[in-house]
ModelCIF file with pLDDT and N, C-alpha, C, O atoms, coordinates in Angstrom:
data_MODEL
#
_entry.id   MODEL 
#
_entity.id                         1 
_entity.type                       polymer 
_entity.pdbx_number_of_molecules   1 
#
_entity_poly.entity_id                      1 
_entity_poly.type                           'polypeptide(L)' 
_entity_poly.nstd_linkage                   no 
_entity_poly.nstd_monomer                   no 
_entity_poly.pdbx_seq_one_letter_code       KLIDEMTKAGVLLDTAGLTPTAQGTRVHLSGGKLSVTDGPFAEAKEVI 
_entity_poly.pdbx_seq_one_letter_code_can   KLIDEMTKAGVLLDTAGLTPTAQGTRVHLSGGKLSVTDGPFAEAKEVI 
_entity_poly.pdbx_strand_id                 A 
#
loop_
_entity_poly_seq.entity_id 
_entity_poly_seq.num 
_entity_poly_seq.mon_id 
_entity_poly_seq.hetero 
1 1  LYS n 
1 2  LEU n 
1 3  ILE n 
1 4  ASP n 
1 5  GLU n 
1 6  MET n 
1 7  THR n 
1 8  LYS n 
1 9  ALA n 
1 10 GLY n 
1 11 VAL n 
1 12 LEU n 
1 13 LEU n 
1 14 ASP n 
1 15 THR n 
1 16 ALA n 
1 17 GLY n 
1 18 LEU n 
1 19 THR n 
1 20 PRO n 
1 21 THR n 
1 22 ALA n 
1 23 GLN n 
1 24 GLY n 
1 25 THR n 
1 26 ARG n 
1 27 VAL n 
1 28 HIS n 
1 29 LEU n 
1 30 SER n 
1 31 GLY n 
1 32 GLY n 
1 33 LYS n 
1 34 LEU n 
1 35 SER n 
1 36 VAL n 
1 37 THR n 
1 38 ASP n 
1 39 GLY n 
1 40 PRO n 
1 41 PHE n 
1 42 ALA n 
1 43 GLU n 
1 44 ALA n 
1 45 LYS n 
1 46 GLU n 
1 47 VAL n 
1 48 ILE n 
#
_struct_asym.id          A 
_struct_asym.entity_id   1 
#
loop_
_ma_qa_metric.id 
_ma_qa_metric.mode 
_ma_qa_metric.name 
_ma_qa_metric.software_group_id 
_ma_qa_metric.type 
1 global pLDDT . pLDDT 
2 local  pLDDT . pLDDT 
#
_ma_qa_metric_global.metric_id      1 
_ma_qa_metric_global.metric_value   90.10 
_ma_qa_metric_global.model_id       1 
_ma_qa_metric_global.ordinal_id     1 
#
loop_
_ma_qa_metric_local.label_asym_id 
_ma_qa_metric_local.label_comp_id 
_ma_qa_metric_local.label_seq_id 
_ma_qa_metric_local.metric_id 
_ma_qa_metric_local.metric_value 
_ma_qa_metric_local.model_id 
_ma_qa_metric_local.ordinal_id 
A LYS 1  2 96.00 1 1  
A LEU 2  2 96.00 1 2  
A ILE 3  2 96.00 1 3  
A ASP 4  2 97.00 1 4  
A GLU 5  2 97.00 1 5  
A MET 6  2 96.00 1 6  
A THR 7  2 96.00 1 7  
A LYS 8  2 97.00 1 8  
A ALA 9  2 96.00 1 9  
A GLY 10 2 96.00 1 10 
A VAL 11 2 97.00 1 11 
A LEU 12 2 97.00 1 12 
A LEU 13 2 97.00 1 13 
A ASP 14 2 97.00 1 14 
A THR 15 2 95.00 1 15 
A ALA 16 2 94.00 1 16 
A GLY 17 2 90.00 1 17 
A LEU 18 2 90.00 1 18 
A THR 19 2 88.00 1 19 
A PRO 20 2 86.00 1 20 
A THR 21 2 85.00 1 21 
A ALA 22 2 87.00 1 22 
A GLN 23 2 91.00 1 23 
A GLY 24 2 91.00 1 24 
A THR 25 2 93.00 1 25 
A ARG 26 2 89.00 1 26 
A VAL 27 2 93.00 1 27 
A HIS 28 2 90.00 1 28 
A LEU 29 2 94.00 1 29 
A SER 30 2 94.00 1 30 
A GLY 31 2 94.00 1 31 
A GLY 32 2 95.00 1 32 
A LYS 33 2 96.00 1 33 
A LEU 34 2 95.00 1 34 
A SER 35 2 93.00 1 35 
A VAL 36 2 95.00 1 36 
A THR 37 2 90.00 1 37 
A ASP 38 2 92.00 1 38 
A GLY 39 2 85.00 1 39 
A PRO 40 2 82.00 1 40 
A PHE 41 2 77.00 1 41 
A ALA 42 2 70.00 1 42 
A GLU 43 2 69.00 1 43 
A ALA 44 2 64.00 1 44 
A LYS 45 2 71.00 1 45 
A GLU 46 2 78.00 1 46 
A VAL 47 2 87.00 1 47 
A ILE 48 2 91.00 1 48 
#
loop_
_atom_site.group_PDB 
_atom_site.id 
_atom_site.type_symbol 
_atom_site.label_atom_id 
_atom_site.label_alt_id 
_atom_site.label_comp_id 
_atom_site.label_asym_id 
_atom_site.label_entity_id 
_atom_site.label_seq_id 
_atom_site.pdbx_PDB_ins_code 
_atom_site.Cartn_x 
_atom_site.Cartn_y 
_atom_site.Cartn_z 
_atom_site.occupancy 
_atom_site.B_iso_or_equiv 
_atom_site.pdbx_formal_charge 
_atom_site.auth_seq_id 
_atom_site.auth_comp_id 
_atom_site.auth_asym_id 
_atom_site.auth_atom_id 
_atom_site.pdbx_PDB_model_num 
ATOM 1   N N  . LYS A 1 1  ? -4.229  -3.306  -33.869 1.00 96.00 ? 1  LYS A N  1 
ATOM 2   C CA . LYS A 1 1  ? -5.202  -2.700  -34.801 1.00 96.00 ? 1  LYS A CA 1 
ATOM 3   C C  . LYS A 1 1  ? -6.131  -1.735  -34.068 1.00 96.00 ? 1  LYS A C  1 
ATOM 4   O O  . LYS A 1 1  ? -6.431  -0.653  -34.573 1.00 96.00 ? 1  LYS A O  1 
ATOM 5   N N  . LEU A 1 2  ? -6.588  -2.129  -32.868 1.00 96.00 ? 2  LEU A N  1 
ATOM 6   C CA . LEU A 1 2  ? -7.449  -1.229  -32.100 1.00 96.00 ? 2  LEU A CA 1 
ATOM 7   C C  . LEU A 1 2  ? -6.674  0.012   -31.677 1.00 96.00 ? 2  LEU A C  1 
ATOM 8   O O  . LEU A 1 2  ? -7.204  1.122   -31.729 1.00 96.00 ? 2  LEU A O  1 
ATOM 9   N N  . ILE A 1 3  ? -5.431  -0.165  -31.263 1.00 96.00 ? 3  ILE A N  1 
ATOM 10  C CA . ILE A 1 3  ? -4.603  0.984   -30.876 1.00 96.00 ? 3  ILE A CA 1 
ATOM 11  C C  . ILE A 1 3  ? -4.410  1.921   -32.072 1.00 96.00 ? 3  ILE A C  1 
ATOM 12  O O  . ILE A 1 3  ? -4.483  3.140   -31.920 1.00 96.00 ? 3  ILE A O  1 
ATOM 13  N N  . ASP A 1 4  ? -4.167  1.362   -33.252 1.00 97.00 ? 4  ASP A N  1 
ATOM 14  C CA . ASP A 1 4  ? -4.058  2.186   -34.463 1.00 97.00 ? 4  ASP A CA 1 
ATOM 15  C C  . ASP A 1 4  ? -5.343  2.954   -34.721 1.00 97.00 ? 4  ASP A C  1 
ATOM 16  O O  . ASP A 1 4  ? -5.310  4.144   -35.034 1.00 97.00 ? 4  ASP A O  1 
ATOM 17  N N  . GLU A 1 5  ? -6.488  2.264   -34.588 1.00 97.00 ? 5  GLU A N  1 
ATOM 18  C CA . GLU A 1 5  ? -7.787  2.913   -34.798 1.00 97.00 ? 5  GLU A CA 1 
ATOM 19  C C  . GLU A 1 5  ? -7.999  4.049   -33.800 1.00 97.00 ? 5  GLU A C  1 
ATOM 20  O O  . GLU A 1 5  ? -8.456  5.130   -34.171 1.00 97.00 ? 5  GLU A O  1 
ATOM 21  N N  . MET A 1 6  ? -7.666  3.799   -32.532 1.00 96.00 ? 6  MET A N  1 
ATOM 22  C CA . MET A 1 6  ? -7.843  4.818   -31.504 1.00 96.00 ? 6  MET A CA 1 
ATOM 23  C C  . MET A 1 6  ? -6.909  6.003   -31.741 1.00 96.00 ? 6  MET A C  1 
ATOM 24  O O  . MET A 1 6  ? -7.286  7.150   -31.501 1.00 96.00 ? 6  MET A O  1 
ATOM 25  N N  . THR A 1 7  ? -5.698  5.730   -32.208 1.00 96.00 ? 7  THR A N  1 
ATOM 26  C CA . THR A 1 7  ? -4.731  6.798   -32.492 1.00 96.00 ? 7  THR A CA 1 
ATOM 27  C C  . THR A 1 7  ? -5.220  7.651   -33.653 1.00 96.00 ? 7  THR A C  1 
ATOM 28  O O  . THR A 1 7  ? -5.197  8.879   -33.571 1.00 96.00 ? 7  THR A O  1 
ATOM 29  N N  . LYS A 1 8  ? -5.664  7.012   -34.738 1.00 97.00 ? 8  LYS A N  1 
ATOM 30  C CA . LYS A 1 8  ? -6.159  7.750   -35.910 1.00 97.00 ? 8  LYS A CA 1 
ATOM 31  C C  . LYS A 1 8  ? -7.399  8.561   -35.588 1.00 97.00 ? 8  LYS A C  1 
ATOM 32  O O  . LYS A 1 8  ? -7.617  9.621   -36.175 1.00 97.00 ? 8  LYS A O  1 
ATOM 33  N N  . ALA A 1 9  ? -8.225  8.070   -34.652 1.00 96.00 ? 9  ALA A N  1 
ATOM 34  C CA . ALA A 1 9  ? -9.440  8.786   -34.253 1.00 96.00 ? 9  ALA A CA 1 
ATOM 35  C C  . ALA A 1 9  ? -9.136  9.921   -33.270 1.00 96.00 ? 9  ALA A C  1 
ATOM 36  O O  . ALA A 1 9  ? -10.030 10.686  -32.910 1.00 96.00 ? 9  ALA A O  1 
ATOM 37  N N  . GLY A 1 10 ? -7.882  10.028  -32.840 1.00 96.00 ? 10 GLY A N  1 
ATOM 38  C CA . GLY A 1 10 ? -7.510  11.078  -31.892 1.00 96.00 ? 10 GLY A CA 1 
ATOM 39  C C  . GLY A 1 10 ? -7.949  10.789  -30.474 1.00 96.00 ? 10 GLY A C  1 
ATOM 40  O O  . GLY A 1 10 ? -7.999  11.696  -29.643 1.00 96.00 ? 10 GLY A O  1 
ATOM 41  N N  . VAL A 1 11 ? -8.269  9.536   -30.184 1.00 97.00 ? 11 VAL A N  1 
ATOM 42  C CA . VAL A 1 11 ? -8.770  9.144   -28.867 1.00 97.00 ? 11 VAL A CA 1 
ATOM 43  C C  . VAL A 1 11 ? -7.624  8.756   -27.935 1.00 97.00 ? 11 VAL A C  1 
ATOM 44  O O  . VAL A 1 11 ? -7.596  9.177   -26.779 1.00 97.00 ? 11 VAL A O  1 
ATOM 45  N N  . LEU A 1 12 ? -6.685  7.959   -28.430 1.00 97.00 ? 12 LEU A N  1 
ATOM 46  C CA . LEU A 1 12 ? -5.624  7.424   -27.593 1.00 97.00 ? 12 LEU A CA 1 
ATOM 47  C C  . LEU A 1 12 ? -4.536  8.466   -27.341 1.00 97.00 ? 12 LEU A C  1 
ATOM 48  O O  . LEU A 1 12 ? -3.957  9.013   -28.279 1.00 97.00 ? 12 LEU A O  1 
ATOM 49  N N  . LEU A 1 13 ? -4.269  8.731   -26.068 1.00 97.00 ? 13 LEU A N  1 
ATOM 50  C CA . LEU A 1 13 ? -3.212  9.661   -25.677 1.00 97.00 ? 13 LEU A CA 1 
ATOM 51  C C  . LEU A 1 13 ? -1.951  8.915   -25.249 1.00 97.00 ? 13 LEU A C  1 
ATOM 52  O O  . LEU A 1 13 ? -0.839  9.365   -25.525 1.00 97.00 ? 13 LEU A O  1 
ATOM 53  N N  . ASP A 1 14 ? -2.123  7.756   -24.564 1.00 97.00 ? 14 ASP A N  1 
ATOM 54  C CA . ASP A 1 14 ? -0.984  6.965   -24.121 1.00 97.00 ? 14 ASP A CA 1 
ATOM 55  C C  . ASP A 1 14 ? -1.490  5.601   -23.674 1.00 97.00 ? 14 ASP A C  1 
ATOM 56  O O  . ASP A 1 14 ? -2.632  5.481   -23.230 1.00 97.00 ? 14 ASP A O  1 
ATOM 57  N N  . THR A 1 15 ? -0.662  4.584   -23.784 1.00 95.00 ? 15 THR A N  1 
ATOM 58  C CA . THR A 1 15 ? -1.000  3.249   -23.310 1.00 95.00 ? 15 THR A CA 1 
ATOM 59  C C  . THR A 1 15 ? 0.268   2.456   -23.083 1.00 95.00 ? 15 THR A C  1 
ATOM 60  O O  . THR A 1 15 ? 1.288   2.698   -23.729 1.00 95.00 ? 15 THR A O  1 
ATOM 61  N N  . ALA A 1 16 ? 0.201   1.498   -22.157 1.00 94.00 ? 16 ALA A N  1 
ATOM 62  C CA . ALA A 1 16 ? 1.325   0.591   -21.928 1.00 94.00 ? 16 ALA A CA 1 
ATOM 63  C C  . ALA A 1 16 ? 0.889   -0.508  -20.982 1.00 94.00 ? 16 ALA A C  1 
ATOM 64  O O  . ALA A 1 16 ? -0.054  -0.355  -20.207 1.00 94.00 ? 16 ALA A O  1 
ATOM 65  N N  . GLY A 1 17 ? 1.596   -1.615  -21.066 1.00 90.00 ? 17 GLY A N  1 
ATOM 66  C CA . GLY A 1 17 ? 1.460   -2.667  -20.076 1.00 90.00 ? 17 GLY A CA 1 
ATOM 67  C C  . GLY A 1 17 ? 2.489   -2.419  -18.991 1.00 90.00 ? 17 GLY A C  1 
ATOM 68  O O  . GLY A 1 17 ? 3.434   -1.652  -19.179 1.00 90.00 ? 17 GLY A O  1 
ATOM 69  N N  . LEU A 1 18 ? 2.300   -3.068  -17.860 1.00 90.00 ? 18 LEU A N  1 
ATOM 70  C CA . LEU A 1 18 ? 3.226   -2.912  -16.749 1.00 90.00 ? 18 LEU A CA 1 
ATOM 71  C C  . LEU A 1 18 ? 3.914   -4.240  -16.467 1.00 90.00 ? 18 LEU A C  1 
ATOM 72  O O  . LEU A 1 18 ? 3.339   -5.305  -16.695 1.00 90.00 ? 18 LEU A O  1 
ATOM 73  N N  . THR A 1 19 ? 5.147   -4.174  -15.969 1.00 88.00 ? 19 THR A N  1 
ATOM 74  C CA . THR A 1 19 ? 5.861   -5.394  -15.610 1.00 88.00 ? 19 THR A CA 1 
ATOM 75  C C  . THR A 1 19 ? 5.147   -6.072  -14.442 1.00 88.00 ? 19 THR A C  1 
ATOM 76  O O  . THR A 1 19 ? 4.383   -5.421  -13.730 1.00 88.00 ? 19 THR A O  1 
ATOM 77  N N  . PRO A 1 20 ? 5.383   -7.365  -14.235 1.00 86.00 ? 20 PRO A N  1 
ATOM 78  C CA . PRO A 1 20 ? 4.743   -8.077  -13.118 1.00 86.00 ? 20 PRO A CA 1 
ATOM 79  C C  . PRO A 1 20 ? 5.104   -7.455  -11.766 1.00 86.00 ? 20 PRO A C  1 
ATOM 80  O O  . PRO A 1 20 ? 6.129   -6.789  -11.621 1.00 86.00 ? 20 PRO A O  1 
ATOM 81  N N  . THR A 1 21 ? 4.234   -7.691  -10.787 1.00 85.00 ? 21 THR A N  1 
ATOM 82  C CA . THR A 1 21 ? 4.469   -7.137  -9.449  1.00 85.00 ? 21 THR A CA 1 
ATOM 83  C C  . THR A 1 21 ? 5.763   -7.653  -8.837  1.00 85.00 ? 21 THR A C  1 
ATOM 84  O O  . THR A 1 21 ? 6.334   -6.997  -7.965  1.00 85.00 ? 21 THR A O  1 
ATOM 85  N N  . ALA A 1 22 ? 6.235   -8.812  -9.276  1.00 87.00 ? 22 ALA A N  1 
ATOM 86  C CA . ALA A 1 22 ? 7.499   -9.346  -8.766  1.00 87.00 ? 22 ALA A CA 1 
ATOM 87  C C  . ALA A 1 22 ? 8.658   -8.392  -9.045  1.00 87.00 ? 22 ALA A C  1 
ATOM 88  O O  . ALA A 1 22 ? 9.679   -8.431  -8.358  1.00 87.00 ? 22 ALA A O  1 
ATOM 89  N N  . GLN A 1 23 ? 8.499   -7.541  -10.049 1.00 91.00 ? 23 GLN A N  1 
ATOM 90  C CA . GLN A 1 23 ? 9.544   -6.589  -10.408 1.00 91.00 ? 23 GLN A CA 1 
ATOM 91  C C  . GLN A 1 23 ? 9.258   -5.186  -9.873  1.00 91.00 ? 23 GLN A C  1 
ATOM 92  O O  . GLN A 1 23 ? 10.004  -4.249  -10.154 1.00 91.00 ? 23 GLN A O  1 
ATOM 93  N N  . GLY A 1 24 ? 8.179   -5.044  -9.106  1.00 91.00 ? 24 GLY A N  1 
ATOM 94  C CA . GLY A 1 24 ? 7.780   -3.733  -8.610  1.00 91.00 ? 24 GLY A CA 1 
ATOM 95  C C  . GLY A 1 24 ? 8.209   -3.480  -7.174  1.00 91.00 ? 24 GLY A C  1 
ATOM 96  O O  . GLY A 1 24 ? 8.718   -4.366  -6.489  1.00 91.00 ? 24 GLY A O  1 
ATOM 97  N N  . THR A 1 25 ? 7.993   -2.266  -6.746  1.00 93.00 ? 25 THR A N  1 
ATOM 98  C CA . THR A 1 25 ? 8.259   -1.843  -5.368  1.00 93.00 ? 25 THR A CA 1 
ATOM 99  C C  . THR A 1 25 ? 7.085   -0.984  -4.911  1.00 93.00 ? 25 THR A C  1 
ATOM 100 O O  . THR A 1 25 ? 6.601   -0.130  -5.654  1.00 93.00 ? 25 THR A O  1 
ATOM 101 N N  . ARG A 1 26 ? 6.636   -1.218  -3.692  1.00 89.00 ? 26 ARG A N  1 
ATOM 102 C CA . ARG A 1 26 ? 5.578   -0.398  -3.100  1.00 89.00 ? 26 ARG A CA 1 
ATOM 103 C C  . ARG A 1 26 ? 6.189   0.557   -2.101  1.00 89.00 ? 26 ARG A C  1 
ATOM 104 O O  . ARG A 1 26 ? 7.026   0.171   -1.284  1.00 89.00 ? 26 ARG A O  1 
ATOM 105 N N  . VAL A 1 27 ? 5.766   1.805   -2.171  1.00 93.00 ? 27 VAL A N  1 
ATOM 106 C CA . VAL A 1 27 ? 6.132   2.818   -1.189  1.00 93.00 ? 27 VAL A CA 1 
ATOM 107 C C  . VAL A 1 27 ? 4.831   3.190   -0.482  1.00 93.00 ? 27 VAL A C  1 
ATOM 108 O O  . VAL A 1 27 ? 3.881   3.642   -1.121  1.00 93.00 ? 27 VAL A O  1 
ATOM 109 N N  . HIS A 1 28 ? 4.788   3.000   0.832   1.00 90.00 ? 28 HIS A N  1 
ATOM 110 C CA . HIS A 1 28 ? 3.555   3.164   1.602   1.00 90.00 ? 28 HIS A CA 1 
ATOM 111 C C  . HIS A 1 28 ? 3.774   4.185   2.716   1.00 90.00 ? 28 HIS A C  1 
ATOM 112 O O  . HIS A 1 28 ? 4.809   4.185   3.383   1.00 90.00 ? 28 HIS A O  1 
ATOM 113 N N  . LEU A 1 29 ? 2.781   5.056   2.906   1.00 94.00 ? 29 LEU A N  1 
ATOM 114 C CA . LEU A 1 29 ? 2.809   6.034   3.989   1.00 94.00 ? 29 LEU A CA 1 
ATOM 115 C C  . LEU A 1 29 ? 1.696   5.702   4.970   1.00 94.00 ? 29 LEU A C  1 
ATOM 116 O O  . LEU A 1 29 ? 0.534   5.585   4.581   1.00 94.00 ? 29 LEU A O  1 
ATOM 117 N N  . SER A 1 30 ? 2.047   5.551   6.235   1.00 94.00 ? 30 SER A N  1 
ATOM 118 C CA . SER A 1 30 ? 1.069   5.289   7.278   1.00 94.00 ? 30 SER A CA 1 
ATOM 119 C C  . SER A 1 30 ? 1.560   5.936   8.563   1.00 94.00 ? 30 SER A C  1 
ATOM 120 O O  . SER A 1 30 ? 2.689   5.697   8.993   1.00 94.00 ? 30 SER A O  1 
ATOM 121 N N  . GLY A 1 31 ? 0.722   6.746   9.169   1.00 94.00 ? 31 GLY A N  1 
ATOM 122 C CA . GLY A 1 31 ? 1.099   7.408   10.413  1.00 94.00 ? 31 GLY A CA 1 
ATOM 123 C C  . GLY A 1 31 ? 2.320   8.293   10.262  1.00 94.00 ? 31 GLY A C  1 
ATOM 124 O O  . GLY A 1 31 ? 3.070   8.488   11.219  1.00 94.00 ? 31 GLY A O  1 
ATOM 125 N N  . GLY A 1 32 ? 2.527   8.831   9.064   1.00 95.00 ? 32 GLY A N  1 
ATOM 126 C CA . GLY A 1 32 ? 3.667   9.704   8.819   1.00 95.00 ? 32 GLY A CA 1 
ATOM 127 C C  . GLY A 1 32 ? 4.968   8.970   8.539   1.00 95.00 ? 32 GLY A C  1 
ATOM 128 O O  . GLY A 1 32 ? 6.004   9.605   8.341   1.00 95.00 ? 32 GLY A O  1 
ATOM 129 N N  . LYS A 1 33 ? 4.930   7.630   8.520   1.00 96.00 ? 33 LYS A N  1 
ATOM 130 C CA . LYS A 1 33 ? 6.146   6.838   8.279   1.00 96.00 ? 33 LYS A CA 1 
ATOM 131 C C  . LYS A 1 33 ? 6.048   6.128   6.934   1.00 96.00 ? 33 LYS A C  1 
ATOM 132 O O  . LYS A 1 33 ? 5.010   5.575   6.570   1.00 96.00 ? 33 LYS A O  1 
ATOM 133 N N  . LEU A 1 34 ? 7.163   6.165   6.212   1.00 95.00 ? 34 LEU A N  1 
ATOM 134 C CA . LEU A 1 34 ? 7.242   5.484   4.919   1.00 95.00 ? 34 LEU A CA 1 
ATOM 135 C C  . LEU A 1 34 ? 7.809   4.084   5.089   1.00 95.00 ? 34 LEU A C  1 
ATOM 136 O O  . LEU A 1 34 ? 8.706   3.853   5.899   1.00 95.00 ? 34 LEU A O  1 
ATOM 137 N N  . SER A 1 35 ? 7.267   3.155   4.309   1.00 93.00 ? 35 SER A N  1 
ATOM 138 C CA . SER A 1 35 ? 7.863   1.832   4.214   1.00 93.00 ? 35 SER A CA 1 
ATOM 139 C C  . SER A 1 35 ? 8.020   1.502   2.733   1.00 93.00 ? 35 SER A C  1 
ATOM 140 O O  . SER A 1 35 ? 7.211   1.922   1.905   1.00 93.00 ? 35 SER A O  1 
ATOM 141 N N  . VAL A 1 36 ? 9.049   0.761   2.414   1.00 95.00 ? 36 VAL A N  1 
ATOM 142 C CA . VAL A 1 36 ? 9.335   0.373   1.038   1.00 95.00 ? 36 VAL A CA 1 
ATOM 143 C C  . VAL A 1 36 ? 9.415   -1.149  1.003   1.00 95.00 ? 36 VAL A C  1 
ATOM 144 O O  . VAL A 1 36 ? 10.171  -1.756  1.762   1.00 95.00 ? 36 VAL A O  1 
ATOM 145 N N  . THR A 1 37 ? 8.622   -1.766  0.109   1.00 90.00 ? 37 THR A N  1 
ATOM 146 C CA . THR A 1 37 ? 8.566   -3.218  -0.001  1.00 90.00 ? 37 THR A CA 1 
ATOM 147 C C  . THR A 1 37 ? 8.745   -3.621  -1.456  1.00 90.00 ? 37 THR A C  1 
ATOM 148 O O  . THR A 1 37 ? 8.039   -3.126  -2.334  1.00 90.00 ? 37 THR A O  1 
ATOM 149 N N  . ASP A 1 38 ? 9.693   -4.522  -1.709  1.00 92.00 ? 38 ASP A N  1 
ATOM 150 C CA . ASP A 1 38 ? 9.868   -5.051  -3.054  1.00 92.00 ? 38 ASP A CA 1 
ATOM 151 C C  . ASP A 1 38 ? 8.871   -6.176  -3.309  1.00 92.00 ? 38 ASP A C  1 
ATOM 152 O O  . ASP A 1 38 ? 8.482   -6.897  -2.389  1.00 92.00 ? 38 ASP A O  1 
ATOM 153 N N  . GLY A 1 39 ? 8.456   -6.319  -4.588  1.00 85.00 ? 39 GLY A N  1 
ATOM 154 C CA . GLY A 1 39 ? 7.532   -7.376  -4.985  1.00 85.00 ? 39 GLY A CA 1 
ATOM 155 C C  . GLY A 1 39 ? 8.233   -8.718  -5.011  1.00 85.00 ? 39 GLY A C  1 
ATOM 156 O O  . GLY A 1 39 ? 9.457   -8.767  -4.892  1.00 85.00 ? 39 GLY A O  1 
ATOM 157 N N  . PRO A 1 40 ? 7.509   -9.795  -5.161  1.00 82.00 ? 40 PRO A N  1 
ATOM 158 C CA . PRO A 1 40 ? 6.070   -9.821  -5.415  1.00 82.00 ? 40 PRO A CA 1 
ATOM 159 C C  . PRO A 1 40 ? 5.282   -9.540  -4.142  1.00 82.00 ? 40 PRO A C  1 
ATOM 160 O O  . PRO A 1 40 ? 5.794   -9.666  -3.030  1.00 82.00 ? 40 PRO A O  1 
ATOM 161 N N  . PHE A 1 41 ? 4.047   -9.165  -4.330  1.00 77.00 ? 41 PHE A N  1 
ATOM 162 C CA . PHE A 1 41 ? 3.186   -8.804  -3.216  1.00 77.00 ? 41 PHE A CA 1 
ATOM 163 C C  . PHE A 1 41 ? 2.187   -9.935  -3.006  1.00 77.00 ? 41 PHE A C  1 
ATOM 164 O O  . PHE A 1 41 ? 1.205   -10.045 -3.741  1.00 77.00 ? 41 PHE A O  1 
ATOM 165 N N  . ALA A 1 42 ? 2.437   -10.776 -2.001  1.00 70.00 ? 42 ALA A N  1 
ATOM 166 C CA . ALA A 1 42 ? 1.660   -11.997 -1.775  1.00 70.00 ? 42 ALA A CA 1 
ATOM 167 C C  . ALA A 1 42 ? 0.169   -11.720 -1.609  1.00 70.00 ? 42 ALA A C  1 
ATOM 168 O O  . ALA A 1 42 ? -0.662  -12.515 -2.048  1.00 70.00 ? 42 ALA A O  1 
ATOM 169 N N  . GLU A 1 43 ? -0.171  -10.601 -0.979  1.00 69.00 ? 43 GLU A N  1 
ATOM 170 C CA . GLU A 1 43 ? -1.589  -10.316 -0.728  1.00 69.00 ? 43 GLU A CA 1 
ATOM 171 C C  . GLU A 1 43 ? -2.316  -9.777  -1.949  1.00 69.00 ? 43 GLU A C  1 
ATOM 172 O O  . GLU A 1 43 ? -3.539  -9.642  -1.928  1.00 69.00 ? 43 GLU A O  1 
ATOM 173 N N  . ALA A 1 44 ? -1.584  -9.467  -3.012  1.00 64.00 ? 44 ALA A N  1 
ATOM 174 C CA . ALA A 1 44 ? -2.197  -8.882  -4.201  1.00 64.00 ? 44 ALA A CA 1 
ATOM 175 C C  . ALA A 1 44 ? -2.800  -9.967  -5.072  1.00 64.00 ? 44 ALA A C  1 
ATOM 176 O O  . ALA A 1 44 ? -2.090  -10.849 -5.554  1.00 64.00 ? 44 ALA A O  1 
ATOM 177 N N  . LYS A 1 45 ? -4.106  -9.906  -5.273  1.00 71.00 ? 45 LYS A N  1 
ATOM 178 C CA . LYS A 1 45 ? -4.761  -10.820 -6.201  1.00 71.00 ? 45 LYS A CA 1 
ATOM 179 C C  . LYS A 1 45 ? -4.960  -10.103 -7.518  1.00 71.00 ? 45 LYS A C  1 
ATOM 180 O O  . LYS A 1 45 ? -4.459  -10.539 -8.555  1.00 71.00 ? 45 LYS A O  1 
ATOM 181 N N  . GLU A 1 46 ? -5.686  -9.011  -7.476  1.00 78.00 ? 46 GLU A N  1 
ATOM 182 C CA . GLU A 1 46 ? -5.959  -8.225  -8.673  1.00 78.00 ? 46 GLU A CA 1 
ATOM 183 C C  . GLU A 1 46 ? -5.027  -7.020  -8.669  1.00 78.00 ? 46 GLU A C  1 
ATOM 184 O O  . GLU A 1 46 ? -5.031  -6.233  -7.722  1.00 78.00 ? 46 GLU A O  1 
ATOM 185 N N  . VAL A 1 47 ? -4.225  -6.873  -9.725  1.00 87.00 ? 47 VAL A N  1 
ATOM 186 C CA . VAL A 1 47 ? -3.261  -5.783  -9.798  1.00 87.00 ? 47 VAL A CA 1 
ATOM 187 C C  . VAL A 1 47 ? -3.444  -5.020  -11.103 1.00 87.00 ? 47 VAL A C  1 
ATOM 188 O O  . VAL A 1 47 ? -4.067  -5.521  -12.038 1.00 87.00 ? 47 VAL A O  1 
ATOM 189 N N  . ILE A 1 48 ? -2.904  -3.814  -11.165 1.00 91.00 ? 48 ILE A N  1 
ATOM 190 C CA . ILE A 1 48 ? -2.925  -3.029  -12.395 1.00 91.00 ? 48 ILE A CA 1 
ATOM 191 C C  . ILE A 1 48 ? -1.897  -3.635  -13.342 1.00 91.00 ? 48 ILE A C  1 
ATOM 192 O O  . ILE A 1 48 ? -1.724  -3.146  -14.459 1.00 91.00 ? 48 ILE A O  1 
#
């Protein structure tokens, strides 16, 4: 209902939920080197 209200008001441009971090992959650059790590990410407490 809130999404409908925001859409009708012309406020909402896009929205979505994301799959759990267990299904994600991190790509990290450090010192010019890339690393790729599949989830879950043990150190992650608060995630998007």
